[in-house]
C-alpha cells in the first residue's frame, strides 16, 4: 500500500452527509481506496432539512509509529 493517499487526498478526512444509501456508498468507496475508519460515526438530526446527518472520520494508515513531544 502506498505511504500516502491517492490523488493528493489528505491523510485525515471527515466525511459528512445525509444518512442514506449514498452516504454509505461514499464511505465504502473511501474504504476501498485504503482508508480506515477512525472512531465511531456521529449522527444528528437537521431540523431545518428534516433528515439525519452522519459524520465518519477516516485515516490513511501510516506505517511506523508517531512520536509525541
N, C-alpha and C. Protein backbone atom coordinates (compact mmCIF):
# COMPACT_ATOMS: atom_id res chain seq x y z
N UNK A 1 0.84 -1.17 0.00
CA UNK A 1 0.00 0.00 0.00
C UNK A 1 0.89 1.24 0.00
N UNK A 2 0.52 2.24 -0.78
CA UNK A 2 1.31 3.47 -0.82
C UNK A 2 1.35 4.14 0.56
N UNK A 3 2.42 4.91 0.80
CA UNK A 3 2.55 5.58 2.09
C UNK A 3 1.68 6.82 2.21
N UNK A 4 1.11 7.27 1.11
CA UNK A 4 0.22 8.43 1.17
C UNK A 4 -1.03 8.15 0.33
N UNK A 5 -2.11 8.85 0.64
CA UNK A 5 -3.37 8.63 -0.08
C UNK A 5 -3.24 8.98 -1.57
N UNK A 6 -4.08 8.39 -2.40
CA UNK A 6 -4.04 8.67 -3.84
C UNK A 6 -4.56 10.07 -4.17
N UNK A 7 -4.16 10.56 -5.31
CA UNK A 7 -4.68 11.81 -5.86
C UNK A 7 -4.52 13.01 -4.95
N UNK A 8 -3.50 13.01 -4.09
CA UNK A 8 -3.26 14.14 -3.21
C UNK A 8 -4.28 14.32 -2.11
N UNK A 9 -5.08 13.29 -1.83
CA UNK A 9 -6.09 13.39 -0.77
C UNK A 9 -5.39 13.50 0.58
N UNK A 10 -6.04 14.13 1.57
CA UNK A 10 -5.43 14.26 2.89
C UNK A 10 -5.42 12.94 3.65
N UNK A 11 -4.54 12.85 4.63
CA UNK A 11 -4.42 11.66 5.46
C UNK A 11 -5.66 11.50 6.33
N UNK A 12 -6.18 12.60 6.85
CA UNK A 12 -7.38 12.59 7.70
C UNK A 12 -8.53 13.20 6.92
N UNK A 13 -9.67 12.55 6.99
CA UNK A 13 -10.87 13.09 6.33
C UNK A 13 -12.06 12.90 7.24
N UNK A 14 -12.95 13.87 7.25
CA UNK A 14 -14.22 13.76 7.96
C UNK A 14 -15.29 13.80 6.89
N UNK A 15 -15.95 12.68 6.71
CA UNK A 15 -16.98 12.55 5.68
C UNK A 15 -18.33 12.83 6.34
N UNK A 16 -19.10 13.75 5.76
CA UNK A 16 -20.41 14.09 6.30
C UNK A 16 -21.45 14.07 5.20
N UNK A 17 -22.67 13.90 5.59
CA UNK A 17 -23.76 13.94 4.63
C UNK A 17 -25.03 13.35 5.19
N UNK A 18 -26.09 13.46 4.41
CA UNK A 18 -27.37 12.87 4.78
C UNK A 18 -27.17 11.38 5.00
N UNK A 19 -27.72 10.87 6.10
CA UNK A 19 -27.57 9.45 6.43
C UNK A 19 -28.50 8.62 5.55
N UNK A 20 -27.97 8.23 4.39
CA UNK A 20 -28.75 7.43 3.44
C UNK A 20 -27.81 6.48 2.70
N UNK A 21 -28.33 5.79 1.73
CA UNK A 21 -27.52 4.81 0.97
C UNK A 21 -26.35 5.48 0.27
N UNK A 22 -26.52 6.71 -0.18
CA UNK A 22 -25.45 7.43 -0.86
C UNK A 22 -24.27 7.68 0.09
N UNK A 23 -24.57 8.05 1.34
CA UNK A 23 -23.51 8.26 2.33
C UNK A 23 -22.76 6.95 2.57
N UNK A 24 -23.49 5.86 2.73
CA UNK A 24 -22.86 4.55 2.94
C UNK A 24 -21.99 4.17 1.75
N UNK A 25 -22.43 4.47 0.55
CA UNK A 25 -21.65 4.19 -0.66
C UNK A 25 -20.35 4.99 -0.66
N UNK A 26 -20.43 6.27 -0.27
CA UNK A 26 -19.23 7.11 -0.20
C UNK A 26 -18.21 6.52 0.77
N UNK A 27 -18.69 6.11 1.95
CA UNK A 27 -17.78 5.51 2.93
C UNK A 27 -17.18 4.22 2.38
N UNK A 28 -17.98 3.40 1.74
CA UNK A 28 -17.49 2.14 1.15
C UNK A 28 -16.40 2.41 0.12
N UNK A 29 -16.58 3.43 -0.71
CA UNK A 29 -15.58 3.77 -1.73
C UNK A 29 -14.28 4.25 -1.09
N UNK A 30 -14.39 5.03 -0.02
CA UNK A 30 -13.20 5.51 0.67
C UNK A 30 -12.45 4.35 1.32
N UNK A 31 -13.18 3.41 1.90
CA UNK A 31 -12.54 2.23 2.48
C UNK A 31 -11.85 1.40 1.40
N UNK A 32 -12.46 1.31 0.24
CA UNK A 32 -11.86 0.56 -0.87
C UNK A 32 -10.55 1.19 -1.34
N UNK A 33 -10.40 2.51 -1.16
CA UNK A 33 -9.15 3.18 -1.52
C UNK A 33 -8.02 2.81 -0.56
N UNK A 34 -8.38 2.38 0.67
CA UNK A 34 -7.37 2.01 1.65
C UNK A 34 -7.47 2.76 2.96
N UNK A 35 -8.39 3.72 3.06
CA UNK A 35 -8.59 4.42 4.32
C UNK A 35 -9.16 3.45 5.36
N UNK A 36 -8.99 3.80 6.63
CA UNK A 36 -9.54 3.02 7.72
C UNK A 36 -10.46 3.91 8.55
N UNK A 37 -11.53 3.31 9.09
CA UNK A 37 -12.42 4.06 9.96
C UNK A 37 -11.66 4.52 11.19
N UNK A 38 -11.99 5.71 11.66
CA UNK A 38 -11.37 6.23 12.88
C UNK A 38 -12.49 6.63 13.84
N UNK A 39 -12.67 5.86 14.89
CA UNK A 39 -13.73 6.15 15.85
C UNK A 39 -15.10 5.74 15.33
N UNK A 40 -16.09 6.08 16.11
CA UNK A 40 -17.46 5.74 15.78
C UNK A 40 -18.10 6.86 14.95
N UNK A 41 -19.10 6.52 14.16
CA UNK A 41 -19.80 7.56 13.43
C UNK A 41 -20.62 8.42 14.41
N UNK A 42 -20.89 9.63 13.99
CA UNK A 42 -21.77 10.53 14.76
C UNK A 42 -22.96 10.87 13.89
N UNK A 43 -24.10 11.03 14.53
CA UNK A 43 -25.30 11.43 13.79
C UNK A 43 -26.03 12.51 14.57
N UNK A 44 -26.73 13.35 13.84
CA UNK A 44 -27.57 14.38 14.43
C UNK A 44 -28.75 14.62 13.49
N UNK A 45 -29.79 15.18 14.02
CA UNK A 45 -30.96 15.48 13.20
C UNK A 45 -30.91 16.94 12.79
N UNK A 46 -30.97 17.19 11.48
CA UNK A 46 -31.03 18.56 10.95
C UNK A 46 -32.50 18.92 10.81
N UNK A 47 -33.01 19.67 11.77
CA UNK A 47 -34.43 20.01 11.80
C UNK A 47 -34.84 20.86 10.60
N UNK A 48 -33.95 21.73 10.14
CA UNK A 48 -34.29 22.60 9.01
C UNK A 48 -34.45 21.82 7.70
N UNK A 49 -33.73 20.70 7.58
CA UNK A 49 -33.82 19.88 6.37
C UNK A 49 -34.67 18.63 6.56
N UNK A 50 -34.96 18.31 7.82
CA UNK A 50 -35.82 17.18 8.11
C UNK A 50 -35.20 15.82 7.91
N UNK A 51 -33.86 15.72 8.09
CA UNK A 51 -33.23 14.41 7.97
C UNK A 51 -32.02 14.29 8.90
N UNK A 52 -31.57 13.07 9.06
CA UNK A 52 -30.40 12.77 9.89
C UNK A 52 -29.14 13.01 9.07
N UNK A 53 -28.15 13.64 9.71
CA UNK A 53 -26.85 13.89 9.10
C UNK A 53 -25.83 13.01 9.83
N UNK A 54 -24.99 12.33 9.07
CA UNK A 54 -23.97 11.45 9.64
C UNK A 54 -22.58 12.01 9.37
N UNK A 55 -21.65 11.65 10.24
CA UNK A 55 -20.25 12.02 10.07
C UNK A 55 -19.39 10.82 10.46
N UNK A 56 -18.36 10.56 9.65
CA UNK A 56 -17.44 9.47 9.95
C UNK A 56 -16.03 9.92 9.61
N UNK A 57 -15.14 9.83 10.59
CA UNK A 57 -13.73 10.15 10.36
C UNK A 57 -13.03 8.93 9.78
N UNK A 58 -12.11 9.17 8.85
CA UNK A 58 -11.29 8.11 8.28
C UNK A 58 -9.84 8.58 8.25
N UNK A 59 -8.93 7.64 8.37
CA UNK A 59 -7.49 7.92 8.35
C UNK A 59 -6.81 7.03 7.33
N UNK A 60 -5.80 7.58 6.69
CA UNK A 60 -4.93 6.77 5.84
C UNK A 60 -3.96 6.05 6.78
N UNK A 61 -3.81 4.74 6.62
CA UNK A 61 -2.90 4.02 7.53
C UNK A 61 -1.46 4.50 7.33
N UNK A 62 -0.83 4.89 8.42
CA UNK A 62 0.55 5.39 8.40
C UNK A 62 1.44 4.30 8.95
N UNK A 63 2.50 3.99 8.24
CA UNK A 63 3.42 2.96 8.69
C UNK A 63 4.40 3.55 9.68
N UNK A 64 4.75 2.77 10.70
CA UNK A 64 5.63 3.26 11.74
C UNK A 64 4.81 3.87 12.87
N UNK A 65 5.49 4.40 13.84
CA UNK A 65 4.80 5.00 14.98
C UNK A 65 5.09 6.48 15.04
N UNK A 66 4.11 7.22 15.45
CA UNK A 66 4.27 8.66 15.60
C UNK A 66 4.91 8.96 16.94
N UNK A 67 5.66 10.02 17.00
CA UNK A 67 6.25 10.46 18.26
C UNK A 67 5.52 11.70 18.72
N UNK A 68 5.34 11.80 20.01
CA UNK A 68 4.69 12.98 20.60
C UNK A 68 5.68 13.70 21.47
N UNK A 69 5.60 15.01 21.44
CA UNK A 69 6.52 15.78 22.31
C UNK A 69 5.79 16.34 23.50
